[in-house]
Amino acid sequence: MKRRNARQLVRLLSDMRHAADCRALRAAATQRAIELAAEEAAEAEQDERDTSRDNPRGKTTWRTS
């Protein structure tokens, strides 16, 4: 292994910590994006169900006009 001075070791450790922080932040952001997408899909599905119950055959009635 190559000998390094203290400044190089501190810099290397700092870079490693920064990289770990970046990975953690990316993972958290990805997880949040997945959760939001799932919530939006559930809302869209619920809206679709509500619409189909209100107007089942596409006919205009006194309730939907």
N, C-alpha and C. Protein backbone atom coordinates (compact mmCIF):
# COMPACT_ATOMS: atom_id res chain seq x y z
N MET A 1 0.85 -1.17 0.00
CA MET A 1 0.00 0.00 0.00
C MET A 1 0.90 1.24 0.00
N LYS A 2 0.48 2.20 -0.73
CA LYS A 2 1.24 3.43 -0.85
C LYS A 2 1.13 4.26 0.43
N ARG A 3 2.22 4.83 0.86
CA ARG A 3 2.19 5.69 2.05
C ARG A 3 1.59 7.03 1.68
N ARG A 4 0.77 7.53 2.55
CA ARG A 4 0.12 8.82 2.30
C ARG A 4 0.34 9.72 3.51
N ASN A 5 0.35 10.99 3.25
CA ASN A 5 0.49 11.90 4.39
C ASN A 5 -0.89 12.15 5.01
N ALA A 6 -0.93 12.79 6.16
CA ALA A 6 -2.17 12.99 6.90
C ALA A 6 -3.20 13.78 6.10
N ARG A 7 -2.77 14.77 5.37
CA ARG A 7 -3.69 15.59 4.59
C ARG A 7 -4.40 14.75 3.53
N GLN A 8 -3.66 13.87 2.88
CA GLN A 8 -4.26 13.01 1.87
C GLN A 8 -5.27 12.05 2.49
N LEU A 9 -4.95 11.52 3.67
CA LEU A 9 -5.87 10.61 4.33
C LEU A 9 -7.15 11.32 4.76
N VAL A 10 -7.02 12.53 5.27
CA VAL A 10 -8.20 13.31 5.66
C VAL A 10 -9.06 13.59 4.44
N ARG A 11 -8.43 13.95 3.36
CA ARG A 11 -9.17 14.23 2.12
C ARG A 11 -9.87 12.98 1.61
N LEU A 12 -9.20 11.85 1.64
CA LEU A 12 -9.78 10.59 1.20
C LEU A 12 -10.98 10.21 2.08
N LEU A 13 -10.85 10.36 3.38
CA LEU A 13 -11.94 10.06 4.30
C LEU A 13 -13.13 10.99 4.04
N SER A 14 -12.86 12.26 3.84
CA SER A 14 -13.91 13.23 3.55
C SER A 14 -14.65 12.86 2.26
N ASP A 15 -13.90 12.47 1.23
CA ASP A 15 -14.52 12.07 -0.03
C ASP A 15 -15.40 10.84 0.15
N MET A 16 -14.93 9.89 0.95
CA MET A 16 -15.70 8.67 1.19
C MET A 16 -17.00 8.99 1.94
N ARG A 17 -16.92 9.85 2.94
CA ARG A 17 -18.12 10.24 3.68
C ARG A 17 -19.10 10.98 2.78
N HIS A 18 -18.58 11.87 1.97
CA HIS A 18 -19.45 12.62 1.05
C HIS A 18 -20.15 11.68 0.09
N ALA A 19 -19.41 10.72 -0.45
CA ALA A 19 -20.01 9.76 -1.37
C ALA A 19 -21.10 8.95 -0.69
N ALA A 20 -20.87 8.56 0.56
CA ALA A 20 -21.88 7.80 1.30
C ALA A 20 -23.12 8.66 1.53
N ASP A 21 -22.93 9.93 1.87
CA ASP A 21 -24.06 10.84 2.08
C ASP A 21 -24.85 11.00 0.79
N CYS A 22 -24.15 11.13 -0.32
CA CYS A 22 -24.83 11.30 -1.61
C CYS A 22 -25.65 10.05 -1.94
N ARG A 23 -25.09 8.88 -1.69
CA ARG A 23 -25.83 7.64 -1.95
C ARG A 23 -27.08 7.57 -1.08
N ALA A 24 -26.94 7.96 0.18
CA ALA A 24 -28.08 7.92 1.10
C ALA A 24 -29.16 8.90 0.66
N LEU A 25 -28.76 10.09 0.25
CA LEU A 25 -29.74 11.08 -0.21
C LEU A 25 -30.44 10.63 -1.49
N ARG A 26 -29.68 10.05 -2.40
CA ARG A 26 -30.28 9.54 -3.64
C ARG A 26 -31.26 8.42 -3.34
N ALA A 27 -30.89 7.54 -2.43
CA ALA A 27 -31.78 6.43 -2.08
C ALA A 27 -33.06 6.96 -1.44
N ALA A 28 -32.94 7.94 -0.56
CA ALA A 28 -34.12 8.52 0.08
C ALA A 28 -35.02 9.21 -0.95
N ALA A 29 -34.41 9.93 -1.87
CA ALA A 29 -35.19 10.62 -2.90
C ALA A 29 -35.89 9.62 -3.81
N THR A 30 -35.22 8.55 -4.14
CA THR A 30 -35.82 7.52 -4.98
C THR A 30 -37.00 6.87 -4.27
N GLN A 31 -36.81 6.55 -3.00
CA GLN A 31 -37.88 5.93 -2.22
C GLN A 31 -39.09 6.86 -2.14
N ARG A 32 -38.86 8.14 -1.92
CA ARG A 32 -39.95 9.10 -1.85
C ARG A 32 -40.68 9.22 -3.19
N ALA A 33 -39.93 9.20 -4.28
CA ALA A 33 -40.54 9.26 -5.61
C ALA A 33 -41.42 8.04 -5.85
N ILE A 34 -40.98 6.88 -5.41
CA ILE A 34 -41.77 5.66 -5.57
C ILE A 34 -43.05 5.76 -4.75
N GLU A 35 -42.95 6.26 -3.52
CA GLU A 35 -44.13 6.42 -2.67
C GLU A 35 -45.13 7.39 -3.30
N LEU A 36 -44.63 8.52 -3.83
CA LEU A 36 -45.52 9.49 -4.46
C LEU A 36 -46.20 8.91 -5.69
N ALA A 37 -45.47 8.15 -6.48
CA ALA A 37 -46.04 7.53 -7.67
C ALA A 37 -47.14 6.55 -7.28
N ALA A 38 -46.92 5.79 -6.22
CA ALA A 38 -47.93 4.85 -5.76
C ALA A 38 -49.18 5.58 -5.28
N GLU A 39 -48.99 6.68 -4.56
CA GLU A 39 -50.13 7.48 -4.09
C GLU A 39 -50.91 8.06 -5.26
N GLU A 40 -50.20 8.57 -6.26
CA GLU A 40 -50.87 9.15 -7.43
C GLU A 40 -51.63 8.08 -8.19
N ALA A 41 -51.07 6.89 -8.30
CA ALA A 41 -51.75 5.79 -9.00
C ALA A 41 -53.02 5.40 -8.25
N ALA A 42 -52.94 5.36 -6.93
CA ALA A 42 -54.12 5.01 -6.13
C ALA A 42 -55.19 6.08 -6.28
N GLU A 43 -54.79 7.36 -6.29
CA GLU A 43 -55.76 8.44 -6.47
C GLU A 43 -56.40 8.38 -7.85
N ALA A 44 -55.60 8.11 -8.86
CA ALA A 44 -56.14 8.02 -10.23
C ALA A 44 -57.12 6.86 -10.33
N GLU A 45 -56.78 5.75 -9.71
CA GLU A 45 -57.68 4.60 -9.74
C GLU A 45 -58.98 4.91 -9.01
N GLN A 46 -58.88 5.60 -7.88
CA GLN A 46 -60.07 5.97 -7.13
C GLN A 46 -60.94 6.94 -7.94
N ASP A 47 -60.31 7.91 -8.59
CA ASP A 47 -61.06 8.85 -9.43
C ASP A 47 -61.75 8.12 -10.57
N GLU A 48 -61.07 7.15 -11.13
CA GLU A 48 -61.65 6.38 -12.24
C GLU A 48 -62.87 5.61 -11.76
N ARG A 49 -62.78 5.02 -10.58
CA ARG A 49 -63.92 4.29 -10.02
C ARG A 49 -65.09 5.23 -9.74
N ASP A 50 -64.80 6.40 -9.18
CA ASP A 50 -65.85 7.36 -8.88
C ASP A 50 -66.56 7.80 -10.16
N THR A 51 -65.80 8.05 -11.20
CA THR A 51 -66.38 8.48 -12.47
C THR A 51 -67.24 7.38 -13.08
N SER A 52 -66.78 6.15 -13.01
CA SER A 52 -67.54 5.06 -13.62
C SER A 52 -68.83 4.81 -12.86
N ARG A 53 -68.86 5.04 -11.55
CA ARG A 53 -70.09 4.87 -10.79
C ARG A 53 -71.08 6.00 -11.09
N ASP A 54 -70.58 7.20 -11.28
CA ASP A 54 -71.47 8.33 -11.53
C ASP A 54 -72.17 8.23 -12.88
N ASN A 55 -71.47 7.77 -13.88
CA ASN A 55 -72.00 7.76 -15.22
C ASN A 55 -71.65 6.42 -15.89
N PRO A 56 -72.35 5.35 -15.55
CA PRO A 56 -71.92 4.03 -15.99
C PRO A 56 -71.98 3.78 -17.49
N ARG A 57 -72.93 4.36 -18.20
CA ARG A 57 -73.06 4.06 -19.63
C ARG A 57 -72.79 5.25 -20.53
N GLY A 58 -72.27 6.32 -19.97
CA GLY A 58 -71.96 7.48 -20.77
C GLY A 58 -73.19 8.32 -21.11
N LYS A 59 -74.32 8.02 -20.48
CA LYS A 59 -75.54 8.77 -20.75
C LYS A 59 -75.62 9.97 -19.83
N THR A 60 -76.16 11.04 -20.34
CA THR A 60 -76.37 12.22 -19.52
C THR A 60 -77.69 12.07 -18.78
N THR A 61 -77.64 12.18 -17.50
CA THR A 61 -78.86 12.08 -16.69
C THR A 61 -79.03 13.38 -15.93
N TRP A 62 -80.09 13.49 -15.20
CA TRP A 62 -80.30 14.71 -14.43
C TRP A 62 -79.23 14.87 -13.35
N ARG A 63 -78.58 13.76 -12.92
CA ARG A 63 -77.52 13.85 -11.91
C ARG A 63 -76.20 14.34 -12.49
N THR A 64 -75.92 13.97 -13.73
CA THR A 64 -74.61 14.29 -14.31
C THR A 64 -74.65 15.43 -15.32
N SER A 65 -75.81 15.99 -15.58
CA SER A 65 -75.88 17.05 -16.58
C SER A 65 -75.42 18.38 -16.06
